[in-house]
């Protein structure tokens, strides 16, 4: 079975697809001179980043940092401030965050709409989004999927996925090789189960996770874009086997027609990304 969810010009269970207050600027149009996009936390002038230079190392580090800070109970505003002060990452999609989903089953899992940061001293950006199960699902032991896609072509540079359990049974696992990557985003396949009991607590290794993708604008100039994340869940003999990634769409391929579902986040706020050369 191959299912695509397209968020432009489509109605999904009556959901509003663009966040309230989102800009109506057409995607792909050059931003007016001086436009930098909506901004959240801003790095101080002269900030010296603690991050490594390479896109791969940066993506791994930032993804791990965000998940660590979330695990410490920090709010998104405090995470943004920490990343700006210590790592010179400027939140460029307006700040704030919420767990939001489109469609069903919203009672089982929550996805975050992507947050987008600009790195210091380079025309490089990092988008991050994740998931957290509200309760462990009854149907597990399958390969699940998670990805981030954009409304405009970008040049992906690196990807990272970190996931873990909710208790003491399953530690963190990291993946850096995306199952599929293209000009509109990237996606991972991972083993979300099995579900086991340890000291009376039920847990599974894919209970929560976070994906990061670093990218540049696809060509010289400034471009307005948004991003959204999507989760594909399967169980029994059904498995997610691949992706198709296009403009505003991320489709997950499954081995059977049933025993699976897909769910998308709300889109991020519109952001302007620029590339000098």
C-alpha atoms as a PDB file:
ATOM      1  CA  UNK A   1       0.000   0.000   0.000  1.00  0.00           C
ATOM      2  CA  UNK A   2       1.282   3.431  -0.847  1.00  0.00           C
ATOM      3  CA  UNK A   3      -0.344   6.451   0.747  1.00  0.00           C
ATOM      4  CA  UNK A   4       0.539  10.107   0.301  1.00  0.00           C
ATOM      5  CA  UNK A   5      -0.599  12.978   2.448  1.00  0.00           C
ATOM      6  CA  UNK A   6      -0.507  16.335   0.706  1.00  0.00           C
ATOM      7  CA  UNK A   7      -1.141  19.396   2.842  1.00  0.00           C
ATOM      8  CA  UNK A   8      -1.597  22.125   0.246  1.00  0.00           C
ATOM      9  CA  UNK A   9      -5.102  22.406  -1.106  1.00  0.00           C
ATOM     10  CA  UNK A  10      -6.236  19.298   0.760  1.00  0.00           C
ATOM     11  CA  UNK A  11      -8.690  18.849   3.604  1.00  0.00           C
ATOM     12  CA  UNK A  12      -7.584  16.363   6.249  1.00  0.00           C
ATOM     13  CA  UNK A  13     -10.326  15.451   8.698  1.00  0.00           C
ATOM     14  CA  UNK A  14     -11.483  19.071   8.710  1.00  0.00           C
ATOM     15  CA  UNK A  15      -8.164  20.308  10.093  1.00  0.00           C
ATOM     16  CA  UNK A  16      -6.878  23.809   9.413  1.00  0.00           C
ATOM     17  CA  UNK A  17      -3.676  23.239   7.499  1.00  0.00           C
ATOM     18  CA  UNK A  18      -1.915  26.561   7.939  1.00  0.00           C
ATOM     19  CA  UNK A  19      -1.386  27.966  11.433  1.00  0.00           C
ATOM     20  CA  UNK A  20      -3.287  31.090  12.386  1.00  0.00           C
ATOM     21  CA  UNK A  21      -1.332  34.158  11.373  1.00  0.00           C
ATOM     22  CA  UNK A  22       0.819  32.362   8.802  1.00  0.00           C
ATOM     23  CA  UNK A  23       2.053  34.553   5.984  1.00  0.00           C
ATOM     24  CA  UNK A  24       0.268  34.309   2.664  1.00  0.00           C
ATOM     25  CA  UNK A  25       3.451  35.039   0.708  1.00  0.00           C
ATOM     26  CA  UNK A  26       3.700  32.626  -2.201  1.00  0.00           C
ATOM     27  CA  UNK A  27       6.289  29.897  -1.760  1.00  0.00           C
ATOM     28  CA  UNK A  28       9.384  30.372  -3.894  1.00  0.00           C
ATOM     29  CA  UNK A  29       9.078  34.148  -4.153  1.00  0.00           C
ATOM     30  CA  UNK A  30      12.145  36.130  -3.238  1.00  0.00           C
ATOM     31  CA  UNK A  31      11.797  37.929   0.086  1.00  0.00           C
ATOM     32  CA  UNK A  32      11.848  41.731   0.107  1.00  0.00           C
ATOM     33  CA  UNK A  33      15.187  43.364   0.829  1.00  0.00           C
ATOM     34  CA  UNK A  34      15.989  43.281   4.526  1.00  0.00           C
ATOM     35  CA  UNK A  35      13.531  40.493   5.315  1.00  0.00           C
ATOM     36  CA  UNK A  36      14.906  37.853   7.679  1.00  0.00           C
ATOM     37  CA  UNK A  37      11.729  35.949   8.539  1.00  0.00           C
ATOM     38  CA  UNK A  38      10.009  35.573  11.905  1.00  0.00           C
ATOM     39  CA  UNK A  39      12.549  35.255  14.684  1.00  0.00           C
ATOM     40  CA  UNK A  40      12.502  33.562  18.080  1.00  0.00           C
ATOM     41  CA  UNK A  41      15.668  33.372  20.224  1.00  0.00           C
ATOM     42  CA  UNK A  42      18.551  35.334  18.682  1.00  0.00           C
ATOM     43  CA  UNK A  43      22.256  34.639  19.160  1.00  0.00           C
ATOM     44  CA  UNK A  44      24.269  37.500  20.652  1.00  0.00           C
ATOM     45  CA  UNK A  45      26.565  39.512  18.397  1.00  0.00           C
ATOM     46  CA  UNK A  46      30.038  37.984  18.403  1.00  0.00           C
ATOM     47  CA  UNK A  47      28.695  34.646  19.657  1.00  0.00           C
ATOM     48  CA  UNK A  48      31.244  31.835  19.358  1.00  0.00           C
ATOM     49  CA  UNK A  49      29.555  28.506  18.715  1.00  0.00           C
ATOM     50  CA  UNK A  50      30.529  25.342  20.568  1.00  0.00           C
ATOM     51  CA  UNK A  51      29.310  23.273  17.637  1.00  0.00           C
ATOM     52  CA  UNK A  52      31.646  21.422  15.260  1.00  0.00           C
ATOM     53  CA  UNK A  53      31.940  22.787  11.724  1.00  0.00           C
ATOM     54  CA  UNK A  54      30.721  19.865   9.646  1.00  0.00           C
ATOM     55  CA  UNK A  55      27.023  19.628   8.822  1.00  0.00           C
ATOM     56  CA  UNK A  56      26.854  15.977   9.901  1.00  0.00           C
ATOM     57  CA  UNK A  57      28.476  16.590  13.298  1.00  0.00           C
ATOM     58  CA  UNK A  58      26.345  19.698  13.840  1.00  0.00           C
ATOM     59  CA  UNK A  59      23.124  17.845  13.037  1.00  0.00           C
ATOM     60  CA  UNK A  60      23.993  14.951  15.363  1.00  0.00           C
ATOM     61  CA  UNK A  61      24.933  17.319  18.180  1.00  0.00           C
ATOM     62  CA  UNK A  62      21.914  19.615  17.886  1.00  0.00           C
ATOM     63  CA  UNK A  63      19.466  16.704  17.665  1.00  0.00           C
ATOM     64  CA  UNK A  64      20.982  15.123  20.790  1.00  0.00           C
ATOM     65  CA  UNK A  65      21.024  18.478  22.604  1.00  0.00           C
ATOM     66  CA  UNK A  66      17.361  19.214  21.943  1.00  0.00           C
ATOM     67  CA  UNK A  67      16.305  15.769  23.106  1.00  0.00           C
ATOM     68  CA  UNK A  68      18.470  16.065  26.230  1.00  0.00           C
ATOM     69  CA  UNK A  69      17.027  19.465  27.133  1.00  0.00           C
ATOM     70  CA  UNK A  70      13.490  18.231  26.513  1.00  0.00           C
ATOM     71  CA  UNK A  71      14.233  15.295  28.807  1.00  0.00           C
ATOM     72  CA  UNK A  72      15.270  17.753  31.511  1.00  0.00           C
ATOM     73  CA  UNK A  73      11.818  19.318  31.312  1.00  0.00           C
ATOM     74  CA  UNK A  74      12.850  22.615  29.713  1.00  0.00           C
ATOM     75  CA  UNK A  75      10.208  24.559  27.826  1.00  0.00           C
ATOM     76  CA  UNK A  76      10.747  25.266  24.139  1.00  0.00           C
ATOM     77  CA  UNK A  77      11.537  28.920  24.923  1.00  0.00           C
ATOM     78  CA  UNK A  78      14.240  27.860  27.375  1.00  0.00           C
ATOM     79  CA  UNK A  79      15.637  25.356  24.884  1.00  0.00           C
ATOM     80  CA  UNK A  80      15.799  28.099  22.237  1.00  0.00           C
ATOM     81  CA  UNK A  81      17.542  30.463  24.660  1.00  0.00           C
ATOM     82  CA  UNK A  82      20.082  27.793  25.626  1.00  0.00           C
ATOM     83  CA  UNK A  83      20.858  26.951  22.002  1.00  0.00           C
ATOM     84  CA  UNK A  84      21.225  30.636  21.143  1.00  0.00           C
ATOM     85  CA  UNK A  85      23.512  31.446  24.082  1.00  0.00           C
ATOM     86  CA  UNK A  86      25.792  28.392  23.945  1.00  0.00           C
ATOM     87  CA  UNK A  87      25.642  27.321  20.312  1.00  0.00           C
ATOM     88  CA  UNK A  88      24.750  30.527  18.401  1.00  0.00           C
ATOM     89  CA  UNK A  89      21.626  28.949  16.901  1.00  0.00           C
ATOM     90  CA  UNK A  90      18.992  31.503  15.963  1.00  0.00           C
ATOM     91  CA  UNK A  91      15.376  30.322  16.017  1.00  0.00           C
ATOM     92  CA  UNK A  92      13.956  31.720  12.788  1.00  0.00           C
ATOM     93  CA  UNK A  93      10.432  30.300  12.624  1.00  0.00           C
ATOM     94  CA  UNK A  94       8.898  32.608  15.197  1.00  0.00           C
ATOM     95  CA  UNK A  95       9.509  30.762  18.466  1.00  0.00           C
ATOM     96  CA  UNK A  96       7.182  28.675  20.557  1.00  0.00           C
ATOM     97  CA  UNK A  97       6.132  25.089  19.963  1.00  0.00           C
ATOM     98  CA  UNK A  98       3.204  22.794  20.372  1.00  0.00           C
ATOM     99  CA  UNK A  99       2.413  19.130  20.034  1.00  0.00           C
ATOM    100  CA  UNK A 100      -0.070  19.024  17.202  1.00  0.00           C
ATOM    101  CA  UNK A 101      -1.381  16.447  14.788  1.00  0.00           C
ATOM    102  CA  UNK A 102      -3.641  16.210  11.771  1.00  0.00           C
ATOM    103  CA  UNK A 103      -6.073  13.328  11.493  1.00  0.00           C
ATOM    104  CA  UNK A 104      -6.360  10.187  13.597  1.00  0.00           C
ATOM    105  CA  UNK A 105      -5.352   8.632  15.972  1.00  0.00           C
ATOM    106  CA  UNK A 106      -4.539  11.817  17.880  1.00  0.00           C
ATOM    107  CA  UNK A 107      -5.442  10.045  21.132  1.00  0.00           C
ATOM    108  CA  UNK A 108      -2.380   7.778  20.876  1.00  0.00           C
ATOM    109  CA  UNK A 109       0.530   9.894  19.663  1.00  0.00           C
ATOM    110  CA  UNK A 110       1.532  13.535  19.414  1.00  0.00           C
ATOM    111  CA  UNK A 111       3.914  15.010  16.862  1.00  0.00           C
ATOM    112  CA  UNK A 112       5.739  18.322  17.026  1.00  0.00           C
ATOM    113  CA  UNK A 113       5.565  20.723  14.146  1.00  0.00           C
ATOM    114  CA  UNK A 114       9.163  21.430  13.064  1.00  0.00           C
ATOM    115  CA  UNK A 115      11.281  24.145  14.660  1.00  0.00           C
ATOM    116  CA  UNK A 116      13.915  25.765  12.428  1.00  0.00           C
ATOM    117  CA  UNK A 117      17.268  27.265  13.458  1.00  0.00           C
ATOM    118  CA  UNK A 118      19.912  29.146  11.501  1.00  0.00           C
ATOM    119  CA  UNK A 119      23.508  28.242  12.301  1.00  0.00           C
ATOM    120  CA  UNK A 120      26.169  30.853  12.948  1.00  0.00           C
ATOM    121  CA  UNK A 121      28.378  32.064  10.103  1.00  0.00           C
ATOM    122  CA  UNK A 122      26.864  29.931   7.342  1.00  0.00           C
ATOM    123  CA  UNK A 123      23.806  29.842   5.108  1.00  0.00           C
ATOM    124  CA  UNK A 124      22.874  26.623   6.876  1.00  0.00           C
ATOM    125  CA  UNK A 125      19.673  25.737   8.716  1.00  0.00           C
ATOM    126  CA  UNK A 126      18.581  22.885  10.969  1.00  0.00           C
ATOM    127  CA  UNK A 127      14.960  21.738  11.214  1.00  0.00           C
ATOM    128  CA  UNK A 128      13.934  19.432  14.056  1.00  0.00           C
ATOM    129  CA  UNK A 129      10.702  17.619  14.913  1.00  0.00           C
ATOM    130  CA  UNK A 130       9.751  14.637  17.009  1.00  0.00           C
ATOM    131  CA  UNK A 131       7.062  12.447  18.514  1.00  0.00           C
ATOM    132  CA  UNK A 132       5.960  11.102  21.863  1.00  0.00           C
ATOM    133  CA  UNK A 133       3.363   8.443  22.475  1.00  0.00           C
ATOM    134  CA  UNK A 134       0.705   9.513  24.947  1.00  0.00           C
ATOM    135  CA  UNK A 135       0.377   5.863  25.917  1.00  0.00           C
ATOM    136  CA  UNK A 136       1.940   2.701  24.615  1.00  0.00           C
ATOM    137  CA  UNK A 137      -0.104   1.338  21.720  1.00  0.00           C
ATOM    138  CA  UNK A 138      -1.601  -2.120  21.925  1.00  0.00           C
ATOM    139  CA  UNK A 139      -0.302  -2.986  18.455  1.00  0.00           C
ATOM    140  CA  UNK A 140       3.500  -2.949  18.193  1.00  0.00           C
ATOM    141  CA  UNK A 141       6.493  -4.971  16.925  1.00  0.00           C
ATOM    142  CA  UNK A 142       6.692  -3.303  13.540  1.00  0.00           C
ATOM    143  CA  UNK A 143       9.004  -0.998  11.640  1.00  0.00           C
ATOM    144  CA  UNK A 144       7.762   2.577  11.859  1.00  0.00           C
ATOM    145  CA  UNK A 145       8.626   5.666   9.845  1.00  0.00           C
ATOM    146  CA  UNK A 146       9.315   9.321  10.604  1.00  0.00           C
ATOM    147  CA  UNK A 147      10.238  12.159   8.272  1.00  0.00           C
ATOM    148  CA  UNK A 148      10.352  15.911   7.698  1.00  0.00           C
ATOM    149  CA  UNK A 149       9.330  17.500   4.408  1.00  0.00           C
ATOM    150  CA  UNK A 150       9.355  21.049   3.044  1.00  0.00           C
ATOM    151  CA  UNK A 151       7.156  23.223   0.853  1.00  0.00           C
ATOM    152  CA  UNK A 152      10.132  24.350  -1.235  1.00  0.00           C
ATOM    153  CA  UNK A 153      13.182  22.599  -2.634  1.00  0.00           C
ATOM    154  CA  UNK A 154      16.219  22.639  -0.343  1.00  0.00           C
ATOM    155  CA  UNK A 155      19.695  21.106  -0.408  1.00  0.00           C
ATOM    156  CA  UNK A 156      19.806  18.506   2.418  1.00  0.00           C
ATOM    157  CA  UNK A 157      23.225  18.240   4.080  1.00  0.00           C
ATOM    158  CA  UNK A 158      22.839  15.724   6.916  1.00  0.00           C
ATOM    159  CA  UNK A 159      20.207  13.887   8.969  1.00  0.00           C
ATOM    160  CA  UNK A 160      19.966  12.379  12.441  1.00  0.00           C
ATOM    161  CA  UNK A 161      17.301  10.431  14.328  1.00  0.00           C
ATOM    162  CA  UNK A 162      17.455   9.714  18.063  1.00  0.00           C
ATOM    163  CA  UNK A 163      14.778   7.601  19.766  1.00  0.00           C
ATOM    164  CA  UNK A 164      14.310   5.840  23.104  1.00  0.00           C
ATOM    165  CA  UNK A 165      11.874   4.298  25.550  1.00  0.00           C
ATOM    166  CA  UNK A 166       9.934   6.023  28.300  1.00  0.00           C
ATOM    167  CA  UNK A 167      11.264   3.981  31.221  1.00  0.00           C
ATOM    168  CA  UNK A 168      14.504   2.300  32.216  1.00  0.00           C
ATOM    169  CA  UNK A 169      14.324  -0.598  29.769  1.00  0.00           C
ATOM    170  CA  UNK A 170      15.335   1.002  26.458  1.00  0.00           C
ATOM    171  CA  UNK A 171      18.165   3.509  26.129  1.00  0.00           C
ATOM    172  CA  UNK A 172      18.820   5.924  23.286  1.00  0.00           C
ATOM    173  CA  UNK A 173      19.388   4.712  19.751  1.00  0.00           C
ATOM    174  CA  UNK A 174      20.748   6.905  16.953  1.00  0.00           C
ATOM    175  CA  UNK A 175      20.492   6.673  13.179  1.00  0.00           C
ATOM    176  CA  UNK A 176      22.333   8.930  10.735  1.00  0.00           C
ATOM    177  CA  UNK A 177      21.532   7.218   7.430  1.00  0.00           C
ATOM    178  CA  UNK A 178      18.112   8.279   6.171  1.00  0.00           C
ATOM    179  CA  UNK A 179      16.023   5.703   4.332  1.00  0.00           C
ATOM    180  CA  UNK A 180      15.143   8.320   1.729  1.00  0.00           C
ATOM    181  CA  UNK A 181      16.397  11.849   1.111  1.00  0.00           C
ATOM    182  CA  UNK A 182      15.655  14.345  -1.644  1.00  0.00           C
ATOM    183  CA  UNK A 183      15.191  18.051  -2.360  1.00  0.00           C
ATOM    184  CA  UNK A 184      11.973  18.179  -0.322  1.00  0.00           C
ATOM    185  CA  UNK A 185      13.145  16.386   2.829  1.00  0.00           C
ATOM    186  CA  UNK A 186      14.197  13.086   4.406  1.00  0.00           C
ATOM    187  CA  UNK A 187      12.762  10.122   6.267  1.00  0.00           C
ATOM    188  CA  UNK A 188      13.855   7.216   8.490  1.00  0.00           C
ATOM    189  CA  UNK A 189      12.603   3.693   9.096  1.00  0.00           C
ATOM    190  CA  UNK A 190      13.207   2.242  12.577  1.00  0.00           C
ATOM    191  CA  UNK A 191      12.167  -0.649  14.793  1.00  0.00           C
ATOM    192  CA  UNK A 192       9.755   0.841  17.324  1.00  0.00           C
ATOM    193  CA  UNK A 193       9.219  -2.374  19.276  1.00  0.00           C
ATOM    194  CA  UNK A 194       9.191  -4.742  20.912  1.00  0.00           C
ATOM    195  CA  UNK A 195       7.139  -3.857  23.931  1.00  0.00           C
ATOM    196  CA  UNK A 196       8.437  -5.364  27.169  1.00  0.00           C
ATOM    197  CA  UNK A 197       7.913  -5.165  30.920  1.00  0.00           C
ATOM    198  CA  UNK A 198      10.702  -4.203  33.323  1.00  0.00           C
ATOM    199  CA  UNK A 199      10.110  -3.792  37.081  1.00  0.00           C
ATOM    200  CA  UNK A 200       6.394  -3.591  36.421  1.00  0.00           C
ATOM    201  CA  UNK A 201       6.734  -0.872  33.754  1.00  0.00           C
ATOM    202  CA  UNK A 202       5.757  -1.450  30.137  1.00  0.00           C
ATOM    203  CA  UNK A 203       8.082   0.154  27.622  1.00  0.00           C
ATOM    204  CA  UNK A 204       9.061   0.129  23.940  1.00  0.00           C
ATOM    205  CA  UNK A 205      12.193   1.497  22.335  1.00  0.00           C
ATOM    206  CA  UNK A 206      10.368   3.866  19.973  1.00  0.00           C
ATOM    207  CA  UNK A 207       8.226   5.557  22.625  1.00  0.00           C
ATOM    208  CA  UNK A 208       9.683   8.988  21.827  1.00  0.00           C
ATOM    209  CA  UNK A 209      12.168  10.425  19.374  1.00  0.00           C
ATOM    210  CA  UNK A 210      13.519  13.442  17.546  1.00  0.00           C
ATOM    211  CA  UNK A 211      14.776  13.967  14.001  1.00  0.00           C
ATOM    212  CA  UNK A 212      17.082  16.736  12.793  1.00  0.00           C
ATOM    213  CA  UNK A 213      17.924  17.699   9.218  1.00  0.00           C
ATOM    214  CA  UNK A 214      20.423  20.359   8.185  1.00  0.00           C
ATOM    215  CA  UNK A 215      19.923  22.050   4.844  1.00  0.00           C
ATOM    216  CA  UNK A 216      20.617  25.057   2.650  1.00  0.00           C
ATOM    217  CA  UNK A 217      18.353  26.914   0.270  1.00  0.00           C
ATOM    218  CA  UNK A 218      18.476  25.082  -3.047  1.00  0.00           C
ATOM    219  CA  UNK A 219      20.003  28.048  -4.876  1.00  0.00           C
ATOM    220  CA  UNK A 220      21.198  31.598  -4.424  1.00  0.00           C
ATOM    221  CA  UNK A 221      18.622  34.046  -3.065  1.00  0.00           C
ATOM    222  CA  UNK A 222      15.966  34.103  -0.349  1.00  0.00           C
ATOM    223  CA  UNK A 223      12.984  31.773  -0.285  1.00  0.00           C
ATOM    224  CA  UNK A 224       9.946  31.345   1.952  1.00  0.00           C
ATOM    225  CA  UNK A 225       9.158  27.829   3.120  1.00  0.00           C
ATOM    226  CA  UNK A 226       7.371  25.742   5.741  1.00  0.00           C
ATOM    227  CA  UNK A 227       7.943  22.218   7.000  1.00  0.00           C
ATOM    228  CA  UNK A 228       5.889  19.449   8.559  1.00  0.00           C
ATOM    229  CA  UNK A 229       6.626  16.053  10.081  1.00  0.00           C
ATOM    230  CA  UNK A 230       4.902  12.723   9.592  1.00  0.00           C
ATOM    231  CA  UNK A 231       4.796   9.405  11.465  1.00  0.00           C
ATOM    232  CA  UNK A 232       3.886   6.010   9.979  1.00  0.00           C
ATOM    233  CA  UNK A 233       3.008   3.148  12.363  1.00  0.00           C
ATOM    234  CA  UNK A 234       2.610  -0.546  11.540  1.00  0.00           C
ATOM    235  CA  UNK A 235       2.078  -3.804  13.407  1.00  0.00           C
ATOM    236  CA  UNK A 236       1.592  -7.571  13.049  1.00  0.00           C
ATOM    237  CA  UNK A 237       3.012  -8.711   9.689  1.00  0.00           C
ATOM    238  CA  UNK A 238       2.832  -5.237   8.171  1.00  0.00           C
ATOM    239  CA  UNK A 239       6.000  -3.180   7.853  1.00  0.00           C
ATOM    240  CA  UNK A 240       6.892   0.238   6.533  1.00  0.00           C
ATOM    241  CA  UNK A 241       9.314  -0.296   3.669  1.00  0.00           C
ATOM    242  CA  UNK A 242      10.002   3.098   2.093  1.00  0.00           C
ATOM    243  CA  UNK A 243       9.144   6.697   1.332  1.00  0.00           C
ATOM    244  CA  UNK A 244       8.154   8.995  -1.468  1.00  0.00           C
ATOM    245  CA  UNK A 245       8.987  12.599  -0.652  1.00  0.00           C
ATOM    246  CA  UNK A 246       7.688  15.546  -2.670  1.00  0.00           C
ATOM    247  CA  UNK A 247       6.585  19.129  -2.259  1.00  0.00           C
ATOM    248  CA  UNK A 248       4.421  19.246   0.878  1.00  0.00           C
ATOM    249  CA  UNK A 249       4.013  15.465   0.766  1.00  0.00           C
ATOM    250  CA  UNK A 250       5.561  12.464   2.437  1.00  0.00           C
ATOM    251  CA  UNK A 251       4.155   9.054   1.549  1.00  0.00           C
ATOM    252  CA  UNK A 252       5.033   5.843   3.404  1.00  0.00           C
ATOM    253  CA  UNK A 253       4.960   2.461   1.646  1.00  0.00           C
ATOM    254  CA  UNK A 254       3.685  -0.526   3.662  1.00  0.00           C
ATOM    255  CA  UNK A 255       3.815  -4.235   2.879  1.00  0.00           C
ATOM    256  CA  UNK A 256       0.070  -4.743   3.441  1.00  0.00           C
ATOM    257  CA  UNK A 257      -3.121  -2.729   3.089  1.00  0.00           C
ATOM    258  CA  UNK A 258      -4.100  -2.897   6.738  1.00  0.00           C
ATOM    259  CA  UNK A 259      -2.458  -2.867  10.181  1.00  0.00           C
ATOM    260  CA  UNK A 260      -0.944   0.581   9.667  1.00  0.00           C
ATOM    261  CA  UNK A 261      -1.715   4.273   9.848  1.00  0.00           C
ATOM    262  CA  UNK A 262      -0.008   7.580   9.090  1.00  0.00           C
ATOM    263  CA  UNK A 263      -0.273  10.902  10.860  1.00  0.00           C
ATOM    264  CA  UNK A 264       1.119  14.360  10.095  1.00  0.00           C
ATOM    265  CA  UNK A 265       1.934  17.379  12.243  1.00  0.00           C
ATOM    266  CA  UNK A 266       0.728  20.899  11.708  1.00  0.00           C
ATOM    267  CA  UNK A 267       3.117  22.856   9.453  1.00  0.00           C
ATOM    268  CA  UNK A 268       5.760  25.130  10.929  1.00  0.00           C
ATOM    269  CA  UNK A 269       5.398  28.844  10.652  1.00  0.00           C
ATOM    270  CA  UNK A 270       6.640  30.290   7.395  1.00  0.00           C
ATOM    271  CA  UNK A 271      10.346  31.135   7.441  1.00  0.00           C
ATOM    272  CA  UNK A 272      12.681  32.845   5.000  1.00  0.00           C
ATOM    273  CA  UNK A 273      15.906  30.978   4.214  1.00  0.00           C
ATOM    274  CA  UNK A 274      18.695  32.670   2.278  1.00  0.00           C
ATOM    275  CA  UNK A 275      21.801  31.565   0.414  1.00  0.00           C
ATOM    276  CA  UNK A 276      24.531  33.928  -0.739  1.00  0.00           C
ATOM    277  CA  UNK A 277      26.258  31.546  -3.132  1.00  0.00           C
END
